Amino acid sequence: MARKKGRDISGWLVVDKPAGLTSTSVVNKVRWALDAKKAGHAGTLDPDATGVLAVALGEATKTVPFVTDALKSYRFTVRLGQSTNTDDAEGEVIAESDARPSDDEIKEALQGFVGEIMQVPPKFSAVKIDGQRAYKLARAGEEVEPEPRPLWVEELVLTDRPDPDHVELEMICGKGGYVRSIARDLGEKLGCHGHVRELRRLWSGPFDAEDGITLAEVEEMARSPALDDRLLPVEIALADLPELKCTPEAAARLGNGNPGKVIATDVEYGDECWASLDGKPVAVGIYKAGELHPTRVFRLG
């Protein structure tokens, strides 16, 4: 099997994704610009969405689940009075209403979307139904009924009402949330229909859109040390886990996938932690009686 071409470069690049591109195309552009052997991302954004797309390079791809599981914040505009088959502005309008709720009615309705809720993903989404992507079935004209799934919503507030047809909302939620479903279900609850008009991810875990690099800047700095300098360290994704220091001897054991002794304070048996040597991550694993039992091992030179 041929080896992948590119550099063994590791870290995170926070891109402020523009509208009109898929998340995969942004990752491919970053991978090319950094001449990286391996790249991935933490959380897909719809093509028309903007904001934080955290791209993981090399060993950082092993920390993607910790960012994917973290809280995220979105700002989005809901168009009231219309439902679409995609639950966003790209779709075909399938229902309309002249009803326009008041701000107070909207604020009251939003309370029902906070906390642990059950959410049905959009029919045009990447969820799988009988092994097939829902959007592929929907595009083929098949009837699609995704199963409801739990979602934690930390906060959902009305921030602006520029006109009777539009409301601007901000949401903080957990893993697997569909903003399009929030807009659709809010419109149904208010009896006026609704879909997402604009969507921006403000932050995701430790990554903030204000600190992101534009795709134009990525292209301008491609294959240069200046772009390398924009990389954030692998361990930034582990900020929510306790850090346990280890000796070089323990690091060698952990690096081979074996339990290694760590210096632990304020952690309990069974906690998920990460071990470091000279500030660099060695492994992520489960703490048990003075040792870390690794589940992920890092190769950082």
Protein backbone atom coordinates (compact mmCIF):
# COMPACT_ATOMS: atom_id res chain seq x y z
CA MET A 1 0.00 0.00 0.00
CA ALA A 2 1.34 3.44 -0.97
CA ARG A 3 2.19 5.78 1.89
CA LYS A 4 0.27 9.03 2.18
CA LYS A 5 2.25 11.99 0.95
CA GLY A 6 2.80 15.05 3.09
CA ARG A 7 4.40 16.19 6.32
CA ASP A 8 3.95 14.64 9.74
CA ILE A 9 2.63 17.89 11.16
CA SER A 10 0.32 17.99 14.17
CA GLY A 11 -1.91 20.67 15.68
CA TRP A 12 -5.17 22.54 15.25
CA LEU A 13 -6.04 25.27 12.76
CA VAL A 14 -9.22 27.22 13.51
CA VAL A 15 -10.79 28.31 10.25
CA ASP A 16 -13.56 30.90 10.02
CA LYS A 17 -15.44 28.99 7.34
CA PRO A 18 -17.05 31.03 4.55
CA ALA A 19 -20.49 30.29 3.17
CA GLY A 20 -20.78 28.20 0.02
CA LEU A 21 -18.21 25.49 0.81
CA THR A 22 -18.53 22.08 2.39
CA SER A 23 -16.57 21.30 5.53
CA THR A 24 -14.68 18.60 3.64
CA SER A 25 -13.53 21.04 0.97
CA VAL A 26 -12.19 23.39 3.67
CA VAL A 27 -10.29 20.53 5.32
CA ASN A 28 -8.81 19.53 1.96
CA LYS A 29 -7.68 23.11 1.32
CA VAL A 30 -6.02 23.30 4.76
CA ARG A 31 -4.36 19.94 4.28
CA TRP A 32 -2.94 21.10 0.95
CA ALA A 33 -1.82 24.49 2.32
CA LEU A 34 0.07 22.83 5.18
CA ASP A 35 1.25 19.87 3.08
CA ALA A 36 -0.11 17.68 5.88
CA LYS A 37 -0.24 13.91 5.69
CA LYS A 38 -3.41 13.64 7.78
CA ALA A 39 -6.30 16.01 8.50
CA GLY A 40 -9.86 15.97 9.81
CA HIS A 41 -12.36 18.29 11.47
CA ALA A 42 -14.42 18.50 14.65
CA GLY A 43 -18.06 18.98 13.66
CA THR A 44 -19.53 19.45 10.19
CA LEU A 45 -21.03 22.78 9.17
CA ASP A 46 -23.62 22.97 6.41
CA PRO A 47 -22.27 24.49 3.16
CA ASP A 48 -24.09 27.81 3.66
CA ALA A 49 -23.07 28.09 7.33
CA THR A 50 -20.10 30.18 8.49
CA GLY A 51 -17.89 30.28 11.56
CA VAL A 52 -15.70 27.92 13.54
CA LEU A 53 -14.45 24.87 11.69
CA ALA A 54 -11.63 23.38 13.77
CA VAL A 55 -9.28 21.42 11.52
CA ALA A 56 -7.13 18.75 13.17
CA LEU A 57 -3.74 17.83 11.69
CA GLY A 58 -1.77 14.68 12.39
CA GLU A 59 -1.90 13.54 16.01
CA ALA A 60 -4.57 16.15 16.76
CA THR A 61 -7.07 13.96 14.89
CA LYS A 62 -6.95 11.64 17.92
CA THR A 63 -8.44 14.43 20.04
CA VAL A 64 -11.35 15.24 17.69
CA PRO A 65 -13.94 13.42 19.87
CA PHE A 66 -13.19 15.71 22.81
CA VAL A 67 -14.05 18.80 20.74
CA THR A 68 -17.03 17.12 19.08
CA ASP A 69 -18.46 16.28 22.52
CA ALA A 70 -17.91 19.81 23.89
CA LEU A 71 -20.52 22.57 24.02
CA LYS A 72 -20.90 24.79 20.96
CA SER A 73 -22.52 28.17 20.32
CA TYR A 74 -24.50 29.25 17.26
CA ARG A 75 -26.05 32.51 16.08
CA PHE A 76 -28.79 32.03 13.51
CA THR A 77 -31.65 33.80 11.78
CA VAL A 78 -35.04 32.11 11.46
CA ARG A 79 -37.37 33.07 8.63
CA LEU A 80 -40.89 32.92 10.01
CA GLY A 81 -43.90 32.11 7.87
CA GLN A 82 -42.30 29.48 5.64
CA SER A 83 -41.25 25.84 5.92
CA THR A 84 -38.86 24.28 3.40
CA ASN A 85 -38.10 20.66 2.62
CA THR A 86 -34.49 21.14 3.76
CA ASP A 87 -35.33 23.35 6.78
CA ASP A 88 -33.06 26.06 5.39
CA ALA A 89 -33.14 28.72 2.67
CA GLU A 90 -31.75 26.35 0.03
CA GLY A 91 -34.85 24.19 0.01
CA GLU A 92 -38.22 24.34 -1.66
CA VAL A 93 -40.99 26.14 0.23
CA ILE A 94 -43.56 23.51 1.23
CA ALA A 95 -45.83 25.48 3.59
CA GLU A 96 -46.60 29.13 4.35
CA SER A 97 -48.47 31.11 6.98
CA ASP A 98 -49.45 34.74 7.54
CA ALA A 99 -49.23 34.31 11.31
CA ARG A 100 -46.44 36.25 13.03
CA PRO A 101 -45.90 35.68 16.75
CA SER A 102 -44.93 38.45 19.11
CA ASP A 103 -41.52 38.66 20.76
CA ASP A 104 -43.04 37.53 24.06
CA GLU A 105 -44.64 34.50 22.38
CA ILE A 106 -41.30 33.58 20.84
CA LYS A 107 -39.45 33.92 24.15
CA GLU A 108 -42.01 31.73 25.87
CA ALA A 109 -41.78 29.08 23.14
CA LEU A 110 -37.97 29.03 23.33
CA GLN A 111 -38.15 27.82 26.94
CA GLY A 112 -39.45 24.49 25.67
CA PHE A 113 -36.21 23.94 23.75
CA VAL A 114 -33.86 24.30 26.72
CA GLY A 115 -32.47 21.35 28.66
CA GLU A 116 -32.58 17.73 27.51
CA ILE A 117 -34.82 17.61 24.44
CA MET A 118 -35.62 15.07 21.74
CA GLN A 119 -34.84 16.33 18.25
CA VAL A 120 -35.66 14.87 14.83
CA PRO A 121 -32.79 15.59 12.38
CA PRO A 122 -33.68 17.22 9.05
CA LYS A 123 -34.64 14.88 6.22
CA PHE A 124 -31.75 16.37 4.25
CA SER A 125 -29.00 15.47 6.73
CA ALA A 126 -26.10 13.03 7.04
CA VAL A 127 -27.80 10.75 9.57
CA LYS A 128 -28.06 7.15 8.45
CA ILE A 129 -31.32 5.30 7.84
CA ASP A 130 -30.91 1.58 7.17
CA GLY A 131 -27.26 2.23 6.30
CA GLN A 132 -28.01 5.06 3.85
CA ARG A 133 -27.48 8.79 4.32
CA ALA A 134 -30.83 10.51 4.80
CA TYR A 135 -30.05 13.25 2.28
CA LYS A 136 -29.31 10.71 -0.45
CA LEU A 137 -32.66 9.00 0.14
CA ALA A 138 -34.46 12.37 0.23
CA ARG A 139 -32.84 13.51 -3.03
CA ALA A 140 -33.94 10.24 -4.63
CA GLY A 141 -37.52 11.08 -3.73
CA GLU A 142 -37.88 8.46 -1.02
CA GLU A 143 -39.87 9.14 2.15
CA VAL A 144 -37.42 9.87 4.96
CA GLU A 145 -38.24 9.70 8.66
CA PRO A 146 -35.12 10.12 10.84
CA GLU A 147 -35.41 8.84 14.40
CA PRO A 148 -35.58 11.37 17.25
CA ARG A 149 -32.37 11.73 19.23
CA PRO A 150 -31.51 13.47 22.51
CA LEU A 151 -29.86 16.88 22.52
CA TRP A 152 -28.68 18.99 25.45
CA VAL A 153 -29.48 22.69 24.96
CA GLU A 154 -27.71 24.86 27.52
CA GLU A 155 -29.21 28.13 26.34
CA LEU A 156 -31.49 29.44 23.58
CA VAL A 157 -32.34 33.15 23.54
CA LEU A 158 -33.86 35.76 21.26
CA THR A 159 -31.25 38.43 20.49
CA ASP A 160 -32.94 40.53 17.79
CA ARG A 161 -36.14 40.96 15.76
CA PRO A 162 -35.10 42.98 12.68
CA ASP A 163 -38.56 42.71 11.13
CA PRO A 164 -41.79 40.69 11.57
CA ASP A 165 -40.53 37.91 9.28
CA HIS A 166 -37.16 37.29 10.95
CA VAL A 167 -35.80 36.53 14.42
CA GLU A 168 -32.16 36.21 15.44
CA LEU A 169 -31.35 33.58 18.06
CA GLU A 170 -28.27 32.36 19.89
CA MET A 171 -27.93 28.81 21.17
CA ILE A 172 -25.43 26.86 23.24
CA CYS A 173 -25.83 23.12 22.85
CA GLY A 174 -24.09 19.79 23.05
CA LYS A 175 -23.09 17.18 20.51
CA GLY A 176 -25.23 16.33 17.51
CA GLY A 177 -27.57 19.32 17.43
CA TYR A 178 -29.24 20.49 14.22
CA VAL A 179 -30.00 24.20 14.17
CA ARG A 180 -32.28 23.61 11.19
CA SER A 181 -34.42 21.32 13.34
CA ILE A 182 -34.66 24.00 16.04
CA ALA A 183 -35.92 26.52 13.47
CA ARG A 184 -38.40 24.03 12.01
CA ASP A 185 -39.75 22.90 15.38
CA LEU A 186 -39.96 26.46 16.72
CA GLY A 187 -42.04 27.46 13.69
CA GLU A 188 -44.34 24.51 14.27
CA LYS A 189 -44.73 25.31 17.96
CA LEU A 190 -45.58 28.92 17.15
CA GLY A 191 -48.00 27.85 14.43
CA CYS A 192 -46.30 29.94 11.75
CA HIS A 193 -43.69 27.62 10.16
CA GLY A 194 -39.99 28.50 10.00
CA HIS A 195 -36.60 27.70 8.52
CA VAL A 196 -32.98 28.80 8.95
CA ARG A 197 -31.98 31.79 6.85
CA GLU A 198 -28.42 32.31 8.13
CA LEU A 199 -26.21 30.29 10.50
CA ARG A 200 -22.88 31.00 12.15
CA ARG A 201 -20.98 28.87 14.68
CA LEU A 202 -19.49 31.31 17.19
CA TRP A 203 -17.38 28.85 19.16
CA SER A 204 -16.84 25.15 19.59
CA GLY A 205 -15.20 23.86 22.76
CA PRO A 206 -11.94 25.80 23.15
CA PHE A 207 -12.10 27.34 19.65
CA ASP A 208 -13.55 30.78 18.90
CA ALA A 209 -14.48 32.27 15.52
CA GLU A 210 -12.81 35.55 16.49
CA ASP A 211 -9.49 33.71 16.62
CA GLY A 212 -10.07 31.91 13.33
CA ILE A 213 -8.16 32.32 10.11
CA THR A 214 -10.03 33.00 6.88
CA LEU A 215 -9.73 30.65 3.94
CA ALA A 216 -8.27 33.52 1.92
CA GLU A 217 -5.50 33.85 4.51
CA VAL A 218 -4.91 30.09 4.38
CA GLU A 219 -4.39 30.35 0.62
CA GLU A 220 -2.14 33.41 0.94
CA MET A 221 0.11 31.73 3.53
CA ALA A 222 0.05 28.28 1.95
CA ARG A 223 3.25 26.22 2.24
CA SER A 224 4.91 28.89 4.42
CA PRO A 225 6.21 29.03 8.01
CA ALA A 226 3.66 31.79 8.66
CA LEU A 227 0.82 29.29 8.34
CA ASP A 228 2.64 26.77 10.54
CA ASP A 229 2.81 29.48 13.20
CA ARG A 230 -1.01 29.69 13.27
CA LEU A 231 -1.32 26.10 14.47
CA LEU A 232 -2.56 25.54 18.02
CA PRO A 233 -1.10 22.67 20.07
CA VAL A 234 -2.66 19.22 20.09
CA GLU A 235 -3.38 19.40 23.82
CA ILE A 236 -5.70 22.41 23.54
CA ALA A 237 -8.49 19.95 22.77
CA LEU A 238 -7.88 18.20 26.10
CA ALA A 239 -8.57 21.28 28.23
CA ASP A 240 -11.62 19.72 29.90
CA LEU A 241 -9.67 16.65 31.08
CA PRO A 242 -7.35 16.55 34.11
CA GLU A 243 -3.66 16.63 33.20
CA LEU A 244 -1.39 14.12 34.94
CA LYS A 245 2.38 14.43 34.68
CA CYS A 246 4.56 11.39 34.12
CA THR A 247 8.24 10.45 34.01
CA PRO A 248 10.14 9.54 30.82
CA GLU A 249 9.99 5.90 31.89
CA ALA A 250 6.21 6.03 32.32
CA ALA A 251 5.88 7.92 29.03
CA ALA A 252 7.70 5.08 27.26
CA ARG A 253 5.28 2.54 28.72
CA LEU A 254 2.25 4.63 27.86
CA GLY A 255 3.58 5.18 24.36
CA ASN A 256 3.56 1.43 23.86
CA GLY A 257 -0.03 1.18 25.03
CA ASN A 258 0.78 -0.09 28.53
CA PRO A 259 -0.30 1.38 31.89
CA GLY A 260 2.15 3.93 33.26
CA LYS A 261 2.56 5.63 36.64
CA VAL A 262 1.37 9.23 36.85
CA ILE A 263 1.40 11.99 39.44
CA ALA A 264 -2.25 12.57 40.31
CA THR A 265 -4.09 15.01 42.55
CA ASP A 266 -7.82 15.73 42.64
CA VAL A 267 -8.69 12.81 40.37
CA GLU A 268 -10.64 9.70 41.18
CA TYR A 269 -10.47 6.08 40.15
CA GLY A 270 -12.04 5.71 36.70
CA ASP A 271 -11.64 9.36 35.64
CA GLU A 272 -10.61 10.04 32.05
CA CYS A 273 -7.35 12.00 32.06
CA TRP A 274 -4.34 12.77 29.91
CA ALA A 275 -0.69 12.23 30.74
CA SER A 276 1.97 14.75 29.78
CA LEU A 277 5.75 14.84 29.61
CA ASP A 278 7.34 18.28 29.45
CA GLY A 279 3.92 19.73 28.68
CA LYS A 280 3.27 17.52 25.65
CA PRO A 281 0.51 14.90 25.58
CA VAL A 282 1.65 11.30 25.83
CA ALA A 283 -1.67 9.50 26.17
CA VAL A 284 -5.32 9.79 27.10
CA GLY A 285 -6.73 7.07 29.29
CA ILE A 286 -8.47 5.98 32.47
CA TYR A 287 -6.89 6.63 35.87
CA LYS A 288 -6.64 3.58 38.12
CA ALA A 289 -4.72 3.51 41.39
CA GLY A 290 -1.71 5.64 40.45
CA GLU A 291 -1.57 4.56 36.82
CA LEU A 292 -3.05 5.75 33.56
CA HIS A 293 -4.45 2.99 31.36
CA PRO A 294 -4.17 4.45 27.84
CA THR A 295 -6.97 4.51 25.29
CA ARG A 296 -5.21 6.93 22.91
CA VAL A 297 -1.47 7.29 22.44
CA PHE A 298 0.28 10.27 20.83
CA ARG A 299 3.38 10.23 18.65
CA LEU A 300 4.77 13.73 18.85
CA GLY A 301 8.40 13.16 18.04
